[in-house]
Amino acid sequence: MIKDRIVRIKLKRGYQQRPLSYLGKVTAFNDHWVVLDGRALLVCRAQPNGVQIDKRPSATMVPRENIESIRVLPDTFNVDDIRVTTEGQQLQIVVDGAVDCYVGELGEG
């Protein structure tokens, strides 16, 4: 269903955890795991744009019980050129040709 699609996976927040998302192409999934080749995005006050993004993509296995939401992005989305913008207090990933993708709130990190 979502295999070979580009997605943003937002994780549930645990105790004192900063908002964390993964952005990339799904390579495998089952009832317990989603595996994607992509980058982690962490809301972080220390960064000028409010989000810390992994420099290089890597394979990541995410337990489905930890997933808050999955947003399917257009197949044309370039994971190597992630642009983040603010709209009010919201940090959003710029998605050309579609609605921008929510990442978190300024000051959460």
PDB file of N, CA and C in Angstrom:
ATOM      1  N   MET A   1       0.819  -1.200   0.000  1.00  0.00           N
ATOM      2  CA  MET A   1       0.000   0.000   0.000  1.00  0.00           C
ATOM      3  C   MET A   1       0.862   1.263   0.000  1.00  0.00           C
ATOM      4  N   ILE A   2       1.837   1.373   0.917  1.00  0.00           N
ATOM      5  CA  ILE A   2       2.694   2.562   0.915  1.00  0.00           C
ATOM      6  C   ILE A   2       4.114   2.246   0.455  1.00  0.00           C
ATOM      7  N   LYS A   3       4.356   0.992   0.064  1.00  0.00           N
ATOM      8  CA  LYS A   3       5.699   0.623  -0.404  1.00  0.00           C
ATOM      9  C   LYS A   3       6.034   1.440  -1.645  1.00  0.00           C
ATOM     10  N   ASP A   4       7.274   1.910  -1.697  1.00  0.00           N
ATOM     11  CA  ASP A   4       7.798   2.735  -2.793  1.00  0.00           C
ATOM     12  C   ASP A   4       7.183   4.126  -2.859  1.00  0.00           C
ATOM     13  N   ARG A   5       6.492   4.549  -1.807  1.00  0.00           N
ATOM     14  CA  ARG A   5       5.949   5.905  -1.740  1.00  0.00           C
ATOM     15  C   ARG A   5       6.845   6.752  -0.846  1.00  0.00           C
ATOM     16  N   ILE A   6       6.861   8.053  -1.082  1.00  0.00           N
ATOM     17  CA  ILE A   6       7.603   8.976  -0.237  1.00  0.00           C
ATOM     18  C   ILE A   6       6.647   9.469   0.843  1.00  0.00           C
ATOM     19  N   VAL A   7       7.082   9.351   2.104  1.00  0.00           N
ATOM     20  CA  VAL A   7       6.209   9.677   3.232  1.00  0.00           C
ATOM     21  C   VAL A   7       6.951  10.506   4.282  1.00  0.00           C
ATOM     22  N   ARG A   8       6.152  11.176   5.112  1.00  0.00           N
ATOM     23  CA  ARG A   8       6.655  11.781   6.340  1.00  0.00           C
ATOM     24  C   ARG A   8       5.991  11.023   7.472  1.00  0.00           C
ATOM     25  N   ILE A   9       6.795  10.394   8.327  1.00  0.00           N
ATOM     26  CA  ILE A   9       6.283   9.661   9.475  1.00  0.00           C
ATOM     27  C   ILE A   9       6.541  10.499  10.718  1.00  0.00           C
ATOM     28  N   LYS A  10       5.477  10.870  11.414  1.00  0.00           N
ATOM     29  CA  LYS A  10       5.600  11.632  12.652  1.00  0.00           C
ATOM     30  C   LYS A  10       5.439  10.661  13.812  1.00  0.00           C
ATOM     31  N   LEU A  11       6.414  10.670  14.719  1.00  0.00           N
ATOM     32  CA  LEU A  11       6.389   9.763  15.859  1.00  0.00           C
ATOM     33  C   LEU A  11       5.574  10.350  17.008  1.00  0.00           C
ATOM     34  N   LYS A  12       5.006   9.455  17.826  1.00  0.00           N
ATOM     35  CA  LYS A  12       4.327   9.886  19.049  1.00  0.00           C
ATOM     36  C   LYS A  12       5.368  10.483  19.979  1.00  0.00           C
ATOM     37  N   ARG A  13       4.940  11.436  20.762  1.00  0.00           N
ATOM     38  CA  ARG A  13       5.858  12.053  21.719  1.00  0.00           C
ATOM     39  C   ARG A  13       5.821  11.303  23.032  1.00  0.00           C
ATOM     40  N   GLY A  14       7.006  10.970  23.508  1.00  0.00           N
ATOM     41  CA  GLY A  14       7.135  10.341  24.813  1.00  0.00           C
ATOM     42  C   GLY A  14       7.448  11.394  25.857  1.00  0.00           C
ATOM     43  N   TYR A  15       7.790  10.968  27.022  1.00  0.00           N
ATOM     44  CA  TYR A  15       8.105  11.876  28.113  1.00  0.00           C
ATOM     45  C   TYR A  15       9.310  12.743  27.748  1.00  0.00           C
ATOM     46  N   GLN A  16       9.149  14.060  27.724  1.00  0.00           N
ATOM     47  CA  GLN A  16      10.203  15.043  27.465  1.00  0.00           C
ATOM     48  C   GLN A  16      10.897  14.862  26.110  1.00  0.00           C
ATOM     49  N   GLN A  17      10.265  14.203  25.158  1.00  0.00           N
ATOM     50  CA  GLN A  17      10.870  13.994  23.844  1.00  0.00           C
ATOM     51  C   GLN A  17      10.511  15.150  22.926  1.00  0.00           C
ATOM     52  N   ARG A  18      11.499  15.605  22.161  1.00  0.00           N
ATOM     53  CA  ARG A  18      11.234  16.629  21.158  1.00  0.00           C
ATOM     54  C   ARG A  18      10.536  15.995  19.961  1.00  0.00           C
ATOM     55  N   PRO A  19       9.739  16.783  19.215  1.00  0.00           N
ATOM     56  CA  PRO A  19       9.044  16.227  18.053  1.00  0.00           C
ATOM     57  C   PRO A  19      10.040  15.674  17.026  1.00  0.00           C
ATOM     58  N   LEU A  20       9.827  14.421  16.614  1.00  0.00           N
ATOM     59  CA  LEU A  20      10.710  13.737  15.687  1.00  0.00           C
ATOM     60  C   LEU A  20       9.889  13.166  14.539  1.00  0.00           C
ATOM     61  N   SER A  21      10.390  13.354  13.316  1.00  0.00           N
ATOM     62  CA  SER A  21       9.756  12.808  12.124  1.00  0.00           C
ATOM     63  C   SER A  21      10.817  12.171  11.251  1.00  0.00           C
ATOM     64  N   TYR A  22      10.378  11.285  10.369  1.00  0.00           N
ATOM     65  CA  TYR A  22      11.244  10.717   9.343  1.00  0.00           C
ATOM     66  C   TYR A  22      10.631  11.027   7.990  1.00  0.00           C
ATOM     67  N   LEU A  23      11.483  11.310   7.012  1.00  0.00           N
ATOM     68  CA  LEU A  23      11.034  11.663   5.682  1.00  0.00           C
ATOM     69  C   LEU A  23      11.832  10.846   4.686  1.00  0.00           C
ATOM     70  N   GLY A  24      11.148  10.048   3.871  1.00  0.00           N
ATOM     71  CA  GLY A  24      11.863   9.237   2.899  1.00  0.00           C
ATOM     72  C   GLY A  24      10.961   8.271   2.166  1.00  0.00           C
ATOM     73  N   LYS A  25      11.598   7.364   1.429  1.00  0.00           N
ATOM     74  CA  LYS A  25      10.887   6.393   0.608  1.00  0.00           C
ATOM     75  C   LYS A  25      10.738   5.079   1.377  1.00  0.00           C
ATOM     76  N   VAL A  26       9.516   4.566   1.451  1.00  0.00           N
ATOM     77  CA  VAL A  26       9.238   3.315   2.154  1.00  0.00           C
ATOM     78  C   VAL A  26       9.781   2.158   1.316  1.00  0.00           C
ATOM     79  N   THR A  27      10.627   1.338   1.936  1.00  0.00           N
ATOM     80  CA  THR A  27      11.200   0.187   1.240  1.00  0.00           C
ATOM     81  C   THR A  27      10.519  -1.115   1.649  1.00  0.00           C
ATOM     82  N   ALA A  28       9.912  -1.152   2.843  1.00  0.00           N
ATOM     83  CA  ALA A  28       9.194  -2.343   3.305  1.00  0.00           C
ATOM     84  C   ALA A  28       8.289  -1.949   4.468  1.00  0.00           C
ATOM     85  N   PHE A  29       7.228  -2.732   4.669  1.00  0.00           N
ATOM     86  CA  PHE A  29       6.375  -2.536   5.841  1.00  0.00           C
ATOM     87  C   PHE A  29       5.602  -3.817   6.106  1.00  0.00           C
ATOM     88  N   ASN A  30       5.207  -3.980   7.359  1.00  0.00           N
ATOM     89  CA  ASN A  30       4.343  -5.093   7.745  1.00  0.00           C
ATOM     90  C   ASN A  30       3.476  -4.618   8.907  1.00  0.00           C
ATOM     91  N   ASP A  31       2.864  -5.536   9.625  1.00  0.00           N
ATOM     92  CA  ASP A  31       1.975  -5.151  10.726  1.00  0.00           C
ATOM     93  C   ASP A  31       2.705  -4.515  11.900  1.00  0.00           C
ATOM     94  N   HIS A  32       4.026  -4.681  11.976  1.00  0.00           N
ATOM     95  CA  HIS A  32       4.775  -4.215  13.136  1.00  0.00           C
ATOM     96  C   HIS A  32       5.794  -3.123  12.826  1.00  0.00           C
ATOM     97  N   TRP A  33       6.281  -3.020  11.587  1.00  0.00           N
ATOM     98  CA  TRP A  33       7.374  -2.116  11.244  1.00  0.00           C
ATOM     99  C   TRP A  33       7.116  -1.410   9.926  1.00  0.00           C
ATOM    100  N   VAL A  34       7.698  -0.200   9.810  1.00  0.00           N
ATOM    101  CA  VAL A  34       7.803   0.495   8.528  1.00  0.00           C
ATOM    102  C   VAL A  34       9.286   0.778   8.338  1.00  0.00           C
ATOM    103  N   VAL A  35       9.831   0.368   7.206  1.00  0.00           N
ATOM    104  CA  VAL A  35      11.239   0.608   6.904  1.00  0.00           C
ATOM    105  C   VAL A  35      11.306   1.641   5.793  1.00  0.00           C
ATOM    106  N   LEU A  36      12.105   2.687   6.007  1.00  0.00           N
ATOM    107  CA  LEU A  36      12.244   3.692   4.967  1.00  0.00           C
ATOM    108  C   LEU A  36      13.695   4.106   4.819  1.00  0.00           C
ATOM    109  N   ASP A  37      14.019   4.560   3.635  1.00  0.00           N
ATOM    110  CA  ASP A  37      15.335   5.097   3.334  1.00  0.00           C
ATOM    111  C   ASP A  37      15.158   6.603   3.273  1.00  0.00           C
ATOM    112  N   GLY A  38      15.618   7.288   4.313  1.00  0.00           N
ATOM    113  CA  GLY A  38      15.371   8.720   4.363  1.00  0.00           C
ATOM    114  C   GLY A  38      16.150   9.415   5.454  1.00  0.00           C
ATOM    115  N   ARG A  39      15.624  10.544   5.894  1.00  0.00           N
ATOM    116  CA  ARG A  39      16.300  11.401   6.862  1.00  0.00           C
ATOM    117  C   ARG A  39      15.391  11.666   8.061  1.00  0.00           C
ATOM    118  N   ALA A  40      16.016  11.855   9.208  1.00  0.00           N
ATOM    119  CA  ALA A  40      15.287  12.235  10.418  1.00  0.00           C
ATOM    120  C   ALA A  40      15.208  13.755  10.486  1.00  0.00           C
ATOM    121  N   LEU A  41      14.095  14.270  10.998  1.00  0.00           N
ATOM    122  CA  LEU A  41      13.893  15.695  11.228  1.00  0.00           C
ATOM    123  C   LEU A  41      13.531  15.875  12.697  1.00  0.00           C
ATOM    124  N   LEU A  42      14.285  16.701  13.394  1.00  0.00           N
ATOM    125  CA  LEU A  42      14.081  16.928  14.816  1.00  0.00           C
ATOM    126  C   LEU A  42      13.866  18.419  15.046  1.00  0.00           C
ATOM    127  N   VAL A  43      12.757  18.772  15.685  1.00  0.00           N
ATOM    128  CA  VAL A  43      12.506  20.176  16.013  1.00  0.00           C
ATOM    129  C   VAL A  43      13.541  20.593  17.050  1.00  0.00           C
ATOM    130  N   CYS A  44      14.252  21.695  16.766  1.00  0.00           N
ATOM    131  CA  CYS A  44      15.412  22.064  17.586  1.00  0.00           C
ATOM    132  C   CYS A  44      15.552  23.580  17.614  1.00  0.00           C
ATOM    133  N   ARG A  45      15.542  24.167  18.786  1.00  0.00           N
ATOM    134  CA  ARG A  45      15.681  25.625  18.906  1.00  0.00           C
ATOM    135  C   ARG A  45      17.042  26.136  18.454  1.00  0.00           C
ATOM    136  N   ALA A  46      18.065  25.287  18.528  1.00  0.00           N
ATOM    137  CA  ALA A  46      19.427  25.718  18.211  1.00  0.00           C
ATOM    138  C   ALA A  46      19.645  25.948  16.714  1.00  0.00           C
ATOM    139  N   GLN A  47      18.765  25.435  15.865  1.00  0.00           N
ATOM    140  CA  GLN A  47      18.917  25.595  14.422  1.00  0.00           C
ATOM    141  C   GLN A  47      18.223  26.874  13.963  1.00  0.00           C
ATOM    142  N   PRO A  48      18.815  27.585  12.994  1.00  0.00           N
ATOM    143  CA  PRO A  48      18.201  28.833  12.522  1.00  0.00           C
ATOM    144  C   PRO A  48      16.791  28.638  11.948  1.00  0.00           C
ATOM    145  N   ASN A  49      16.547  27.516  11.266  1.00  0.00           N
ATOM    146  CA  ASN A  49      15.221  27.292  10.681  1.00  0.00           C
ATOM    147  C   ASN A  49      14.296  26.500  11.610  1.00  0.00           C
ATOM    148  N   GLY A  50      14.778  26.115  12.803  1.00  0.00           N
ATOM    149  CA  GLY A  50      13.956  25.429  13.791  1.00  0.00           C
ATOM    150  C   GLY A  50      13.936  23.915  13.672  1.00  0.00           C
ATOM    151  N   VAL A  51      14.609  23.351  12.636  1.00  0.00           N
ATOM    152  CA  VAL A  51      14.593  21.906  12.419  1.00  0.00           C
ATOM    153  C   VAL A  51      16.001  21.419  12.110  1.00  0.00           C
ATOM    154  N   GLN A  52      16.407  20.354  12.797  1.00  0.00           N
ATOM    155  CA  GLN A  52      17.683  19.704  12.515  1.00  0.00           C
ATOM    156  C   GLN A  52      17.392  18.529  11.578  1.00  0.00           C
ATOM    157  N   ILE A  53      18.065  18.481  10.408  1.00  0.00           N
ATOM    158  CA  ILE A  53      17.836  17.449   9.402  1.00  0.00           C
ATOM    159  C   ILE A  53      19.118  16.656   9.207  1.00  0.00           C
ATOM    160  N   ASP A  54      18.996  15.321   9.190  1.00  0.00           N
ATOM    161  CA  ASP A  54      20.162  14.482   8.935  1.00  0.00           C
ATOM    162  C   ASP A  54      20.838  14.891   7.628  1.00  0.00           C
ATOM    163  N   LYS A  55      22.168  14.894   7.628  1.00  0.00           N
ATOM    164  CA  LYS A  55      22.917  15.278   6.427  1.00  0.00           C
ATOM    165  C   LYS A  55      22.808  14.237   5.321  1.00  0.00           C
ATOM    166  N   ARG A  56      22.796  12.942   5.715  1.00  0.00           N
ATOM    167  CA  ARG A  56      22.729  11.863   4.730  1.00  0.00           C
ATOM    168  C   ARG A  56      21.553  10.953   5.021  1.00  0.00           C
ATOM    169  N   PRO A  57      20.925  10.428   3.986  1.00  0.00           N
ATOM    170  CA  PRO A  57      19.840   9.468   4.222  1.00  0.00           C
ATOM    171  C   PRO A  57      20.379   8.149   4.748  1.00  0.00           C
ATOM    172  N   SER A  58      19.555   7.447   5.484  1.00  0.00           N
ATOM    173  CA  SER A  58      19.922   6.128   6.003  1.00  0.00           C
ATOM    174  C   SER A  58      18.658   5.279   6.100  1.00  0.00           C
ATOM    175  N   ALA A  59      18.848   3.956   6.149  1.00  0.00           N
ATOM    176  CA  ALA A  59      17.720   3.048   6.320  1.00  0.00           C
ATOM    177  C   ALA A  59      17.288   3.076   7.780  1.00  0.00           C
ATOM    178  N   THR A  60      15.996   3.229   8.004  1.00  0.00           N
ATOM    179  CA  THR A  60      15.460   3.315   9.363  1.00  0.00           C
ATOM    180  C   THR A  60      14.241   2.415   9.485  1.00  0.00           C
ATOM    181  N   MET A  61      14.177   1.657  10.573  1.00  0.00           N
ATOM    182  CA  MET A  61      13.035   0.794  10.857  1.00  0.00           C
ATOM    183  C   MET A  61      12.260   1.431  12.006  1.00  0.00           C
ATOM    184  N   VAL A  62      11.006   1.755  11.767  1.00  0.00           N
ATOM    185  CA  VAL A  62      10.184   2.443  12.762  1.00  0.00           C
ATOM    186  C   VAL A  62       9.067   1.495  13.225  1.00  0.00           C
ATOM    187  N   PRO A  63       8.966   1.242  14.535  1.00  0.00           N
ATOM    188  CA  PRO A  63       7.861   0.411  15.032  1.00  0.00           C
ATOM    189  C   PRO A  63       6.521   1.123  14.810  1.00  0.00           C
ATOM    190  N   ARG A  64       5.552   0.412  14.283  1.00  0.00           N
ATOM    191  CA  ARG A  64       4.266   1.039  13.971  1.00  0.00           C
ATOM    192  C   ARG A  64       3.554   1.529  15.223  1.00  0.00           C
ATOM    193  N   GLU A  65       3.818   0.926  16.370  1.00  0.00           N
ATOM    194  CA  GLU A  65       3.178   1.375  17.613  1.00  0.00           C
ATOM    195  C   GLU A  65       3.665   2.758  18.041  1.00  0.00           C
ATOM    196  N   ASN A  66       4.795   3.207  17.504  1.00  0.00           N
ATOM    197  CA  ASN A  66       5.338   4.530  17.836  1.00  0.00           C
ATOM    198  C   ASN A  66       4.930   5.614  16.842  1.00  0.00           C
ATOM    199  N   ILE A  67       4.181   5.262  15.814  1.00  0.00           N
ATOM    200  CA  ILE A  67       3.820   6.215  14.768  1.00  0.00           C
ATOM    201  C   ILE A  67       2.531   6.945  15.141  1.00  0.00           C
ATOM    202  N   GLU A  68       2.607   8.283  15.101  1.00  0.00           N
ATOM    203  CA  GLU A  68       1.412   9.099  15.330  1.00  0.00           C
ATOM    204  C   GLU A  68       0.648   9.278  14.032  1.00  0.00           C
ATOM    205  N   SER A  69       1.379   9.602  12.940  1.00  0.00           N
ATOM    206  CA  SER A  69       0.719   9.800  11.654  1.00  0.00           C
ATOM    207  C   SER A  69       1.708   9.566  10.515  1.00  0.00           C
ATOM    208  N   ILE A  70       1.142   9.255   9.347  1.00  0.00           N
ATOM    209  CA  ILE A  70       1.926   9.100   8.124  1.00  0.00           C
ATOM    210  C   ILE A  70       1.297   9.993   7.064  1.00  0.00           C
ATOM    211  N   ARG A  71       2.106  10.827   6.456  1.00  0.00           N
ATOM    212  CA  ARG A  71       1.638  11.695   5.374  1.00  0.00           C
ATOM    213  C   ARG A  71       2.314  11.249   4.087  1.00  0.00           C
ATOM    214  N   VAL A  72       1.540  10.853   3.102  1.00  0.00           N
ATOM    215  CA  VAL A  72       2.073  10.451   1.807  1.00  0.00           C
ATOM    216  C   VAL A  72       2.323  11.722   0.998  1.00  0.00           C
ATOM    217  N   LEU A  73       3.545  11.847   0.487  1.00  0.00           N
ATOM    218  CA  LEU A  73       3.947  13.016  -0.292  1.00  0.00           C
ATOM    219  C   LEU A  73       3.972  12.663  -1.777  1.00  0.00           C
ATOM    220  N   PRO A  74       3.974  13.663  -2.643  1.00  0.00           N
ATOM    221  CA  PRO A  74       4.034  13.376  -4.076  1.00  0.00           C
ATOM    222  C   PRO A  74       5.317  12.624  -4.443  1.00  0.00           C
ATOM    223  N   ASP A  75       5.223  11.783  -5.466  1.00  0.00           N
ATOM    224  CA  ASP A  75       6.388  11.023  -5.921  1.00  0.00           C
ATOM    225  C   ASP A  75       7.503  11.924  -6.422  1.00  0.00           C
ATOM    226  N   THR A  76       7.193  13.163  -6.736  1.00  0.00           N
ATOM    227  CA  THR A  76       8.191  14.107  -7.238  1.00  0.00           C
ATOM    228  C   THR A  76       8.955  14.814  -6.120  1.00  0.00           C
ATOM    229  N   PHE A  77       8.585  14.553  -4.859  1.00  0.00           N
ATOM    230  CA  PHE A  77       9.256  15.220  -3.739  1.00  0.00           C
ATOM    231  C   PHE A  77      10.719  14.793  -3.680  1.00  0.00           C
ATOM    232  N   ASN A  78      11.619  15.760  -3.548  1.00  0.00           N
ATOM    233  CA  ASN A  78      13.060  15.500  -3.515  1.00  0.00           C
ATOM    234  C   ASN A  78      13.540  15.455  -2.069  1.00  0.00           C
ATOM    235  N   VAL A  79      13.865  14.264  -1.594  1.00  0.00           N
ATOM    236  CA  VAL A  79      14.329  14.078  -0.215  1.00  0.00           C
ATOM    237  C   VAL A  79      15.703  14.700   0.000  1.00  0.00           C
ATOM    238  N   ASP A  80      16.444  14.940  -1.074  1.00  0.00           N
ATOM    239  CA  ASP A  80      17.769  15.552  -0.965  1.00  0.00           C
ATOM    240  C   ASP A  80      17.702  17.070  -0.872  1.00  0.00           C
ATOM    241  N   ASP A  81      16.522  17.653  -1.058  1.00  0.00           N
ATOM    242  CA  ASP A  81      16.355  19.106  -1.008  1.00  0.00           C
ATOM    243  C   ASP A  81      15.145  19.435  -0.124  1.00  0.00           C
ATOM    244  N   ILE A  82      15.299  19.200   1.184  1.00  0.00           N
ATOM    245  CA  ILE A  82      14.208  19.459   2.125  1.00  0.00           C
ATOM    246  C   ILE A  82      14.268  20.926   2.547  1.00  0.00           C
ATOM    247  N   ARG A  83      13.177  21.627   2.287  1.00  0.00           N
ATOM    248  CA  ARG A  83      13.076  23.038   2.664  1.00  0.00           C
ATOM    249  C   ARG A  83      12.011  23.193   3.736  1.00  0.00           C
ATOM    250  N   VAL A  84      12.358  23.936   4.791  1.00  0.00           N
ATOM    251  CA  VAL A  84      11.438  24.142   5.910  1.00  0.00           C
ATOM    252  C   VAL A  84      11.084  25.619   5.976  1.00  0.00           C
ATOM    253  N   THR A  85       9.819  25.897   6.228  1.00  0.00           N
ATOM    254  CA  THR A  85       9.340  27.264   6.347  1.00  0.00           C
ATOM    255  C   THR A  85       8.477  27.378   7.605  1.00  0.00           C
ATOM    256  N   THR A  86       8.192  28.599   7.992  1.00  0.00           N
ATOM    257  CA  THR A  86       7.298  28.817   9.130  1.00  0.00           C
ATOM    258  C   THR A  86       6.040  29.507   8.649  1.00  0.00           C
ATOM    259  N   GLU A  87       4.941  29.113   9.248  1.00  0.00           N
ATOM    260  CA  GLU A  87       3.670  29.786   9.013  1.00  0.00           C
ATOM    261  C   GLU A  87       3.072  30.035  10.380  1.00  0.00           C
ATOM    262  N   GLY A  88       3.223  31.265  10.860  1.00  0.00           N
ATOM    263  CA  GLY A  88       2.870  31.557  12.240  1.00  0.00           C
ATOM    264  C   GLY A  88       3.869  30.863  13.146  1.00  0.00           C
ATOM    265  N   GLN A  89       3.401  29.997  14.026  1.00  0.00           N
ATOM    266  CA  GLN A  89       4.268  29.232  14.924  1.00  0.00           C
ATOM    267  C   GLN A  89       4.586  27.845  14.374  1.00  0.00           C
ATOM    268  N   GLN A  90       3.975  27.474  13.246  1.00  0.00           N
ATOM    269  CA  GLN A  90       4.148  26.120  12.715  1.00  0.00           C
ATOM    270  C   GLN A  90       5.361  26.011  11.797  1.00  0.00           C
ATOM    271  N   LEU A  91       6.131  24.937  12.003  1.00  0.00           N
ATOM    272  CA  LEU A  91       7.218  24.585  11.090  1.00  0.00           C
ATOM    273  C   LEU A  91       6.654  23.618  10.068  1.00  0.00           C
ATOM    274  N   GLN A  92       6.895  23.908   8.781  1.00  0.00           N
ATOM    275  CA  GLN A  92       6.337  23.077   7.727  1.00  0.00           C
ATOM    276  C   GLN A  92       7.381  22.779   6.662  1.00  0.00           C
ATOM    277  N   ILE A  93       7.317  21.559   6.110  1.00  0.00           N
ATOM    278  CA  ILE A  93       8.159  21.177   4.978  1.00  0.00           C
ATOM    279  C   ILE A  93       7.466  21.683   3.724  1.00  0.00           C
ATOM    280  N   VAL A  94       8.212  22.362   2.861  1.00  0.00           N
ATOM    281  CA  VAL A  94       7.663  22.881   1.619  1.00  0.00           C
ATOM    282  C   VAL A  94       7.482  21.718   0.643  1.00  0.00           C
ATOM    283  N   VAL A  95       6.247  21.544   0.158  1.00  0.00           N
ATOM    284  CA  VAL A  95       5.923  20.490  -0.806  1.00  0.00           C
ATOM    285  C   VAL A  95       5.391  21.174  -2.056  1.00  0.00           C
ATOM    286  N   ASP A  96       6.190  21.165  -3.124  1.00  0.00           N
ATOM    287  CA  ASP A  96       5.765  21.797  -4.374  1.00  0.00           C
ATOM    288  C   ASP A  96       4.563  21.060  -4.968  1.00  0.00           C
ATOM    289  N   GLY A  97       3.540  21.801  -5.330  1.00  0.00           N
ATOM    290  CA  GLY A  97       2.366  21.225  -5.958  1.00  0.00           C
ATOM    291  C   GLY A  97       1.391  20.562  -5.006  1.00  0.00           C
ATOM    292  N   ALA A  98       1.581  20.711  -3.706  1.00  0.00           N
ATOM    293  CA  ALA A  98       0.673  20.121  -2.717  1.00  0.00           C
ATOM    294  C   ALA A  98       0.700  20.976  -1.449  1.00  0.00           C
ATOM    295  N   VAL A  99      -0.138  20.621  -0.495  1.00  0.00           N
ATOM    296  CA  VAL A  99      -0.176  21.324   0.787  1.00  0.00           C
ATOM    297  C   VAL A  99       1.114  21.034   1.546  1.00  0.00           C
ATOM    298  N   ASP A 100       1.703  22.077   2.152  1.00  0.00           N
ATOM    299  CA  ASP A 100       2.922  21.884   2.937  1.00  0.00           C
ATOM    300  C   ASP A 100       2.666  20.910   4.079  1.00  0.00           C
ATOM    301  N   CYS A 101       3.743  20.274   4.542  1.00  0.00           N
ATOM    302  CA  CYS A 101       3.659  19.182   5.513  1.00  0.00           C
ATOM    303  C   CYS A 101       4.092  19.670   6.902  1.00  0.00           C
ATOM    304  N   TYR A 102       3.227  19.538   7.879  1.00  0.00           N
ATOM    305  CA  TYR A 102       3.471  19.982   9.258  1.00  0.00           C
ATOM    306  C   TYR A 102       4.583  19.148   9.910  1.00  0.00           C
ATOM    307  N   VAL A 103       5.507  19.841  10.614  1.00  0.00           N
ATOM    308  CA  VAL A 103       6.577  19.163  11.338  1.00  0.00           C
ATOM    309  C   VAL A 103       6.442  19.362  12.843  1.00  0.00           C
ATOM    310  N   GLY A 104       6.176  20.594  13.272  1.00  0.00           N
ATOM    311  CA  GLY A 104       6.067  20.894  14.694  1.00  0.00           C
ATOM    312  C   GLY A 104       5.844  22.371  14.911  1.00  0.00           C
ATOM    313  N   GLU A 105       5.954  22.784  16.160  1.00  0.00           N
ATOM    314  CA  GLU A 105       5.764  24.187  16.548  1.00  0.00           C
ATOM    315  C   GLU A 105       7.097  24.802  16.939  1.00  0.00           C
ATOM    316  N   LEU A 106       7.288  26.066  16.630  1.00  0.00           N
ATOM    317  CA  LEU A 106       8.489  26.792  17.064  1.00  0.00           C
ATOM    318  C   LEU A 106       8.562  26.741  18.584  1.00  0.00           C
ATOM    319  N   GLY A 107       9.734  26.520  19.120  1.00  0.00           N
ATOM    320  CA  GLY A 107       9.933  26.512  20.549  1.00  0.00           C
ATOM    321  C   GLY A 107       9.685  25.160  21.213  1.00  0.00           C
ATOM    322  N   GLU A 108       9.225  24.152  20.464  1.00  0.00           N
ATOM    323  CA  GLU A 108       8.994  22.831  21.058  1.00  0.00           C
ATOM    324  C   GLU A 108      10.299  22.105  21.345  1.00  0.00           C
ATOM    325  N   GLY A 109      11.326  22.386  20.549  1.00  0.00           N
ATOM    326  CA  GLY A 109      12.580  21.650  20.673  1.00  0.00           C
ATOM    327  C   GLY A 109      13.376  22.203  21.755  1.00  0.00           C
TER     328      GLY A 109
END
